[in-house]
Full PDB file with SEQRES, HELIX, SHEET, SSBOND, CRYST1, ORIGX, SCALE, CONECT and MASTER records, all heavy atoms in Angstrom:
SEQRES   1 A   31  VAL SER VAL LEU ASP ALA LEU ILE ASP ALA GLY HIS GLU          
SEQRES   2 A   31  ILE VAL ALA VAL PHE CYS GLN PRO PRO ARG PRO ALA GLY          
SEQRES   3 A   31  ARG GLY LYS LYS ASP                                          
HELIX    1 AA1 SER A    2  ASP A    9  1                                   8    
CRYST1    1.000    1.000    1.000  90.00  90.00  90.00 P 1           1          
ORIGX1      1.000000  0.000000  0.000000        0.00000                         
ORIGX2      0.000000  1.000000  0.000000        0.00000                         
ORIGX3      0.000000  0.000000  1.000000        0.00000                         
SCALE1      1.000000  0.000000  0.000000        0.00000                         
SCALE2      0.000000  1.000000  0.000000        0.00000                         
SCALE3      0.000000  0.000000  1.000000        0.00000                         
ATOM      1  N   VAL A   1      89.756  88.901  93.985  1.00  0.00           N  
ATOM      2  CA  VAL A   1      89.189  90.141  93.435  1.00  0.00           C  
ATOM      3  C   VAL A   1      88.124  90.715  94.378  1.00  0.00           C  
ATOM      4  O   VAL A   1      88.071  91.916  94.646  1.00  0.00           O  
ATOM      5  CB  VAL A   1      88.605  89.904  92.024  1.00  0.00           C  
ATOM      6  CG1 VAL A   1      87.852  91.147  91.530  1.00  0.00           C  
ATOM      7  CG2 VAL A   1      89.731  89.575  91.040  1.00  0.00           C  
ATOM      8  N   SER A   2      87.219  89.855  94.862  1.00  0.00           N  
ATOM      9  CA  SER A   2      86.149  90.367  95.743  1.00  0.00           C  
ATOM     10  C   SER A   2      86.722  90.943  97.029  1.00  0.00           C  
ATOM     11  O   SER A   2      86.177  91.882  97.616  1.00  0.00           O  
ATOM     12  CB  SER A   2      85.144  89.260  96.044  1.00  0.00           C  
ATOM     13  OG  SER A   2      85.761  88.157  96.701  1.00  0.00           O  
ATOM     14  N   VAL A   3      87.863  90.404  97.468  1.00  0.00           N  
ATOM     15  CA  VAL A   3      88.500  90.917  98.700  1.00  0.00           C  
ATOM     16  C   VAL A   3      89.047  92.335  98.422  1.00  0.00           C  
ATOM     17  O   VAL A   3      88.870  93.252  99.226  1.00  0.00           O  
ATOM     18  CB  VAL A   3      89.628  89.978  99.120  1.00  0.00           C  
ATOM     19  CG1 VAL A   3      90.366  90.573 100.350  1.00  0.00           C  
ATOM     20  CG2 VAL A   3      89.109  88.590  99.451  1.00  0.00           C  
ATOM     21  N   LEU A   4      89.687  92.494  97.268  1.00  0.00           N  
ATOM     22  CA  LEU A   4      90.207  93.815  96.883  1.00  0.00           C  
ATOM     23  C   LEU A   4      89.074  94.824  96.840  1.00  0.00           C  
ATOM     24  O   LEU A   4      89.176  95.952  97.388  1.00  0.00           O  
ATOM     25  CB  LEU A   4      90.888  93.720  95.528  1.00  0.00           C  
ATOM     26  CG  LEU A   4      91.472  95.001  94.925  1.00  0.00           C  
ATOM     27  CD1 LEU A   4      92.523  95.626  95.846  1.00  0.00           C  
ATOM     28  CD2 LEU A   4      92.063  94.736  93.564  1.00  0.00           C  
ATOM     29  N   ASP A   5      87.971  94.473  96.204  1.00  0.00           N  
ATOM     30  CA  ASP A   5      86.824  95.362  96.106  1.00  0.00           C  
ATOM     31  C   ASP A   5      86.263  95.718  97.507  1.00  0.00           C  
ATOM     32  O   ASP A   5      85.903  96.859  97.788  1.00  0.00           O  
ATOM     33  CB  ASP A   5      85.710  94.756  95.269  1.00  0.00           C  
ATOM     34  CG  ASP A   5      86.036  94.765  93.784  1.00  0.00           C  
ATOM     35  OD1 ASP A   5      86.899  95.568  93.354  1.00  0.00           O  
ATOM     36  OD2 ASP A   5      85.441  93.945  93.047  1.00  0.00           O  
ATOM     37  N   ALA A   6      86.190  94.704  98.373  1.00  0.00           N  
ATOM     38  CA  ALA A   6      85.638  94.917  99.734  1.00  0.00           C  
ATOM     39  C   ALA A   6      86.512  95.893 100.535  1.00  0.00           C  
ATOM     40  O   ALA A   6      85.984  96.730 101.280  1.00  0.00           O  
ATOM     41  CB  ALA A   6      85.495  93.583 100.464  1.00  0.00           C  
ATOM     42  N   LEU A   7      87.810  95.757 100.399  1.00  0.00           N  
ATOM     43  CA  LEU A   7      88.720  96.670 101.123  1.00  0.00           C  
ATOM     44  C   LEU A   7      88.546  98.120 100.665  1.00  0.00           C  
ATOM     45  O   LEU A   7      88.527  99.037 101.476  1.00  0.00           O  
ATOM     46  CB  LEU A   7      90.174  96.214 100.906  1.00  0.00           C  
ATOM     47  CG  LEU A   7      90.537  94.869 101.564  1.00  0.00           C  
ATOM     48  CD1 LEU A   7      91.941  94.442 101.085  1.00  0.00           C  
ATOM     49  CD2 LEU A   7      90.512  94.964 103.064  1.00  0.00           C  
ATOM     50  N   ILE A   8      88.386  98.295  99.390  1.00  0.00           N  
ATOM     51  CA  ILE A   8      88.178  99.639  98.848  1.00  0.00           C  
ATOM     52  C   ILE A   8      86.822 100.198  99.303  1.00  0.00           C  
ATOM     53  O   ILE A   8      86.702 101.352  99.710  1.00  0.00           O  
ATOM     54  CB  ILE A   8      88.298  99.653  97.311  1.00  0.00           C  
ATOM     55  CG1 ILE A   8      89.754  99.347  96.931  1.00  0.00           C  
ATOM     56  CG2 ILE A   8      87.857 100.989  96.714  1.00  0.00           C  
ATOM     57  CD1 ILE A   8      89.953  99.137  95.444  1.00  0.00           C  
ATOM     58  N   ASP A   9      85.802  99.332  99.212  1.00  0.00           N  
ATOM     59  CA  ASP A   9      84.441  99.773  99.636  1.00  0.00           C  
ATOM     60  C   ASP A   9      84.417 100.148 101.088  1.00  0.00           C  
ATOM     61  O   ASP A   9      83.626 100.998 101.532  1.00  0.00           O  
ATOM     62  CB  ASP A   9      83.450  98.646  99.404  1.00  0.00           C  
ATOM     63  CG  ASP A   9      83.153  98.422  97.913  1.00  0.00           C  
ATOM     64  OD1 ASP A   9      83.504  99.305  97.104  1.00  0.00           O  
ATOM     65  OD2 ASP A   9      82.606  97.367  97.562  1.00  0.00           O  
ATOM     66  N   ALA A  10      85.314  99.527 101.906  1.00  0.00           N  
ATOM     67  CA  ALA A  10      85.352  99.835 103.329  1.00  0.00           C  
ATOM     68  C   ALA A  10      86.145 101.096 103.642  1.00  0.00           C  
ATOM     69  O   ALA A  10      86.259 101.509 104.799  1.00  0.00           O  
ATOM     70  CB  ALA A  10      85.945  98.640 104.106  1.00  0.00           C  
ATOM     71  N   GLY A  11      86.693 101.724 102.627  1.00  0.00           N  
ATOM     72  CA  GLY A  11      87.409 102.990 102.794  1.00  0.00           C  
ATOM     73  C   GLY A  11      88.891 102.892 102.960  1.00  0.00           C  
ATOM     74  O   GLY A  11      89.567 103.895 103.269  1.00  0.00           O  
ATOM     75  N   HIS A  12      89.445 101.712 102.777  1.00  0.00           N  
ATOM     76  CA  HIS A  12      90.884 101.553 102.929  1.00  0.00           C  
ATOM     77  C   HIS A  12      91.611 102.044 101.666  1.00  0.00           C  
ATOM     78  O   HIS A  12      91.059 101.997 100.571  1.00  0.00           O  
ATOM     79  CB  HIS A  12      91.245 100.101 103.218  1.00  0.00           C  
ATOM     80  CG  HIS A  12      90.709  99.580 104.518  1.00  0.00           C  
ATOM     81  ND1 HIS A  12      91.202 100.035 105.737  1.00  0.00           N  
ATOM     82  CD2 HIS A  12      89.705  98.717 104.801  1.00  0.00           C  
ATOM     83  CE1 HIS A  12      90.542  99.428 106.702  1.00  0.00           C  
ATOM     84  NE2 HIS A  12      89.617  98.646 106.196  1.00  0.00           N  
ATOM     85  N   GLU A  13      92.870 102.431 101.849  1.00  0.00           N  
ATOM     86  CA  GLU A  13      93.665 102.904 100.744  1.00  0.00           C  
ATOM     87  C   GLU A  13      94.610 101.761 100.305  1.00  0.00           C  
ATOM     88  O   GLU A  13      95.402 101.269 101.093  1.00  0.00           O  
ATOM     89  CB  GLU A  13      94.510 104.119 101.120  1.00  0.00           C  
ATOM     90  CG  GLU A  13      95.412 104.630 100.019  1.00  0.00           C  
ATOM     91  CD  GLU A  13      96.289 105.779 100.461  1.00  0.00           C  
ATOM     92  OE1 GLU A  13      96.175 106.221 101.641  1.00  0.00           O  
ATOM     93  OE2 GLU A  13      97.132 106.236  99.633  1.00  0.00           O  
ATOM     94  N   ILE A  14      94.517 101.375  99.036  1.00  0.00           N  
ATOM     95  CA  ILE A  14      95.405 100.329  98.519  1.00  0.00           C  
ATOM     96  C   ILE A  14      96.639 101.034  97.913  1.00  0.00           C  
ATOM     97  O   ILE A  14      96.575 101.665  96.862  1.00  0.00           O  
ATOM     98  CB  ILE A  14      94.686  99.500  97.433  1.00  0.00           C  
ATOM     99  CG1 ILE A  14      93.353  98.968  97.927  1.00  0.00           C  
ATOM    100  CG2 ILE A  14      95.615  98.352  96.966  1.00  0.00           C  
ATOM    101  CD1 ILE A  14      93.436  98.083  99.113  1.00  0.00           C  
ATOM    102  N   VAL A  15      97.732 100.973  98.634  1.00  0.00           N  
ATOM    103  CA  VAL A  15      98.940 101.715  98.222  1.00  0.00           C  
ATOM    104  C   VAL A  15      99.699 100.969  97.119  1.00  0.00           C  
ATOM    105  O   VAL A  15     100.448 101.608  96.375  1.00  0.00           O  
ATOM    106  CB  VAL A  15      99.861 102.002  99.390  1.00  0.00           C  
ATOM    107  CG1 VAL A  15      99.171 102.977 100.346  1.00  0.00           C  
ATOM    108  CG2 VAL A  15     100.250 100.706 100.136  1.00  0.00           C  
ATOM    109  N   ALA A  16      99.531  99.667  96.992  1.00  0.00           N  
ATOM    110  CA  ALA A  16     100.165  98.905  95.922  1.00  0.00           C  
ATOM    111  C   ALA A  16      99.529  97.536  95.828  1.00  0.00           C  
ATOM    112  O   ALA A  16      99.048  96.969  96.839  1.00  0.00           O  
ATOM    113  CB  ALA A  16     101.675  98.740  96.170  1.00  0.00           C  
ATOM    114  N   VAL A  17      99.460  97.007  94.611  1.00  0.00           N  
ATOM    115  CA  VAL A  17      98.931  95.665  94.384  1.00  0.00           C  
ATOM    116  C   VAL A  17     100.041  94.803  93.787  1.00  0.00           C  
ATOM    117  O   VAL A  17     100.694  95.198  92.808  1.00  0.00           O  
ATOM    118  CB  VAL A  17      97.732  95.704  93.406  1.00  0.00           C  
ATOM    119  CG1 VAL A  17      97.323  94.293  93.008  1.00  0.00           C  
ATOM    120  CG2 VAL A  17      96.567  96.439  94.060  1.00  0.00           C  
ATOM    121  N   PHE A  18     100.241  93.640  94.372  1.00  0.00           N  
ATOM    122  CA  PHE A  18     101.212  92.671  93.838  1.00  0.00           C  
ATOM    123  C   PHE A  18     100.416  91.425  93.372  1.00  0.00           C  
ATOM    124  O   PHE A  18      99.535  90.966  94.116  1.00  0.00           O  
ATOM    125  CB  PHE A  18     102.233  92.260  94.900  1.00  0.00           C  
ATOM    126  CG  PHE A  18     103.358  93.249  95.081  1.00  0.00           C  
ATOM    127  CD1 PHE A  18     103.115  94.499  95.558  1.00  0.00           C  
ATOM    128  CD2 PHE A  18     104.654  92.889  94.716  1.00  0.00           C  
ATOM    129  CE1 PHE A  18     104.144  95.396  95.749  1.00  0.00           C  
ATOM    130  CE2 PHE A  18     105.708  93.795  94.870  1.00  0.00           C  
ATOM    131  CZ  PHE A  18     105.445  95.060  95.381  1.00  0.00           C  
ATOM    132  N   CYS A  19     100.755  90.926  92.223  1.00  0.00           N  
ATOM    133  CA  CYS A  19     100.077  89.722  91.702  1.00  0.00           C  
ATOM    134  C   CYS A  19     101.095  88.960  90.792  1.00  0.00           C  
ATOM    135  O   CYS A  19     102.185  89.422  90.535  1.00  0.00           O  
ATOM    136  CB  CYS A  19      98.853  90.095  90.895  1.00  0.00           C  
ATOM    137  SG  CYS A  19      99.145  91.185  89.495  1.00  0.00           S  
ATOM    138  N   GLN A  20     100.665  87.809  90.337  1.00  0.00           N  
ATOM    139  CA  GLN A  20     101.511  87.017  89.447  1.00  0.00           C  
ATOM    140  C   GLN A  20     101.574  87.671  88.066  1.00  0.00           C  
ATOM    141  O   GLN A  20     100.634  88.388  87.654  1.00  0.00           O  
ATOM    142  CB  GLN A  20     100.929  85.612  89.305  1.00  0.00           C  
ATOM    143  CG  GLN A  20     101.108  84.751  90.533  1.00  0.00           C  
ATOM    144  CD  GLN A  20     102.508  84.304  90.736  1.00  0.00           C  
ATOM    145  OE1 GLN A  20     103.031  83.508  89.956  1.00  0.00           O  
ATOM    146  NE2 GLN A  20     103.157  84.795  91.769  1.00  0.00           N  
ATOM    147  N   PRO A  21     102.676  87.493  87.344  1.00  0.00           N  
ATOM    148  CA  PRO A  21     102.830  88.120  86.028  1.00  0.00           C  
ATOM    149  C   PRO A  21     101.784  87.605  85.029  1.00  0.00           C  
ATOM    150  O   PRO A  21     101.282  86.490  85.202  1.00  0.00           O  
ATOM    151  CB  PRO A  21     104.233  87.708  85.562  1.00  0.00           C  
ATOM    152  CG  PRO A  21     104.936  87.278  86.816  1.00  0.00           C  
ATOM    153  CD  PRO A  21     103.871  86.726  87.739  1.00  0.00           C  
ATOM    154  N   PRO A  22     101.472  88.375  83.996  1.00  0.00           N  
ATOM    155  CA  PRO A  22     100.587  87.884  82.935  1.00  0.00           C  
ATOM    156  C   PRO A  22     101.194  86.631  82.289  1.00  0.00           C  
ATOM    157  O   PRO A  22     102.404  86.477  82.206  1.00  0.00           O  
ATOM    158  CB  PRO A  22     100.565  89.053  81.929  1.00  0.00           C  
ATOM    159  CG  PRO A  22     100.905  90.252  82.737  1.00  0.00           C  
ATOM    160  CD  PRO A  22     101.879  89.795  83.771  1.00  0.00           C  
ATOM    161  N   ARG A  23     100.304  85.725  81.891  1.00  0.00           N  
ATOM    162  CA  ARG A  23     100.758  84.472  81.284  1.00  0.00           C  
ATOM    163  C   ARG A  23     100.015  84.216  79.968  1.00  0.00           C  
ATOM    164  O   ARG A  23      98.885  84.673  79.815  1.00  0.00           O  
ATOM    165  CB  ARG A  23     100.566  83.298  82.246  1.00  0.00           C  
ATOM    166  CG  ARG A  23     101.518  83.360  83.439  1.00  0.00           C  
ATOM    167  CD  ARG A  23     101.444  82.050  84.235  1.00  0.00           C  
ATOM    168  NE  ARG A  23     102.527  81.976  85.235  1.00  0.00           N  
ATOM    169  CZ  ARG A  23     102.442  82.473  86.459  1.00  0.00           C  
ATOM    170  NH1 ARG A  23     101.336  83.050  86.849  1.00  0.00           N  
ATOM    171  NH2 ARG A  23     103.447  82.373  87.286  1.00  0.00           N  
ATOM    172  N   PRO A  24     100.605  83.469  79.053  1.00  0.00           N  
ATOM    173  CA  PRO A  24      99.940  83.157  77.784  1.00  0.00           C  
ATOM    174  C   PRO A  24      98.633  82.404  78.044  1.00  0.00           C  
ATOM    175  O   PRO A  24      98.566  81.500  78.886  1.00  0.00           O  
ATOM    176  CB  PRO A  24     100.938  82.268  77.043  1.00  0.00           C  
ATOM    177  CG  PRO A  24     102.261  82.592  77.648  1.00  0.00           C  
ATOM    178  CD  PRO A  24     101.992  82.896  79.071  1.00  0.00           C  
ATOM    179  N   ALA A  25      97.582  82.809  77.334  1.00  0.00           N  
ATOM    180  CA  ALA A  25      96.273  82.163  77.500  1.00  0.00           C  
ATOM    181  C   ALA A  25      95.473  82.318  76.215  1.00  0.00           C  
ATOM    182  O   ALA A  25      95.763  83.159  75.364  1.00  0.00           O  
ATOM    183  CB  ALA A  25      95.528  82.814  78.661  1.00  0.00           C  
ATOM    184  N   GLY A  26      94.468  81.483  76.031  1.00  0.00           N  
ATOM    185  CA  GLY A  26      93.625  81.532  74.855  1.00  0.00           C  
ATOM    186  C   GLY A  26      94.269  80.911  73.632  1.00  0.00           C  
ATOM    187  O   GLY A  26      95.420  80.448  73.669  1.00  0.00           O  
ATOM    188  N   ARG A  27      93.557  80.920  72.570  1.00  0.00           N  
ATOM    189  CA  ARG A  27      94.041  80.282  71.336  1.00  0.00           C  
ATOM    190  C   ARG A  27      95.296  80.947  70.799  1.00  0.00           C  
ATOM    191  O   ARG A  27      96.169  80.342  70.224  1.00  0.00           O  
ATOM    192  CB  ARG A  27      92.941  80.273  70.277  1.00  0.00           C  
ATOM    193  CG  ARG A  27      91.762  79.380  70.620  1.00  0.00           C  
ATOM    194  CD  ARG A  27      90.734  79.335  69.550  1.00  0.00           C  
ATOM    195  NE  ARG A  27      89.646  78.437  69.867  1.00  0.00           N  
ATOM    196  CZ  ARG A  27      88.592  78.246  69.077  1.00  0.00           C  
ATOM    197  NH1 ARG A  27      88.480  78.901  67.906  1.00  0.00           N  
ATOM    198  NH2 ARG A  27      87.619  77.392  69.448  1.00  0.00           N  
ATOM    199  N   GLY A  28      95.348  82.275  70.951  1.00  0.00           N  
ATOM    200  CA  GLY A  28      96.511  83.002  70.432  1.00  0.00           C  
ATOM    201  C   GLY A  28      97.711  82.974  71.354  1.00  0.00           C  
ATOM    202  O   GLY A  28      98.773  83.422  70.987  1.00  0.00           O  
ATOM    203  N   LYS A  29      97.514  82.393  72.563  1.00  0.00           N  
ATOM    204  CA  LYS A  29      98.609  82.317  73.529  1.00  0.00           C  
ATOM    205  C   LYS A  29      99.243  83.675  73.816  1.00  0.00           C  
ATOM    206  O   LYS A  29     100.460  83.791  74.017  1.00  0.00           O  
ATOM    207  CB  LYS A  29      99.685  81.338  73.088  1.00  0.00           C  
ATOM    208  CG  LYS A  29      99.190  79.900  72.994  1.00  0.00           C  
ATOM    209  CD  LYS A  29      98.699  79.363  74.360  1.00  0.00           C  
ATOM    210  CE  LYS A  29      98.207  77.927  74.274  1.00  0.00           C  
ATOM    211  NZ  LYS A  29      97.673  77.455  75.556  1.00  0.00           N  
ATOM    212  N   LYS A  30      98.414  84.713  73.840  1.00  0.00           N  
ATOM    213  CA  LYS A  30      98.910  86.054  74.160  1.00  0.00           C  
ATOM    214  C   LYS A  30      98.900  86.209  75.675  1.00  0.00           C  
ATOM    215  O   LYS A  30      98.090  85.637  76.391  1.00  0.00           O  
ATOM    216  CB  LYS A  30      98.020  87.122  73.536  1.00  0.00           C  
ATOM    217  CG  LYS A  30      98.077  87.138  72.000  1.00  0.00           C  
ATOM    218  CD  LYS A  30      97.218  88.274  71.463  1.00  0.00           C  
ATOM    219  CE  LYS A  30      97.308  88.289  69.910  1.00  0.00           C  
ATOM    220  NZ  LYS A  30      96.456  89.379  69.351  1.00  0.00           N  
ATOM    221  N   ASP A  31      99.829  87.019  76.189  1.00  0.00           N  
ATOM    222  CA  ASP A  31      99.887  87.263  77.642  1.00  0.00           C  
ATOM    223  C   ASP A  31      98.576  87.897  78.116  1.00  0.00           C  
ATOM    224  O   ASP A  31      98.099  88.892  77.553  1.00  0.00           O  
ATOM    225  CB  ASP A  31     101.039  88.216  77.963  1.00  0.00           C  
ATOM    226  CG  ASP A  31     102.382  87.459  78.002  1.00  0.00           C  
ATOM    227  OD1 ASP A  31     102.361  86.225  77.873  1.00  0.00           O  
ATOM    228  OD2 ASP A  31     103.419  88.132  78.123  1.00  0.00           O  
TER     229      ASP A  31                                                      
MASTER        0    0    0    1    0    0    0    6  228    1    0    3          
END                                                                             
């Protein structure tokens, strides 16, 4: 996350973000 913020603060354009899919978490096991 801090890397993403630093790139934006430096004036770069983030054309797309790829990450892992949401996963169940917490007591309710919601995505």
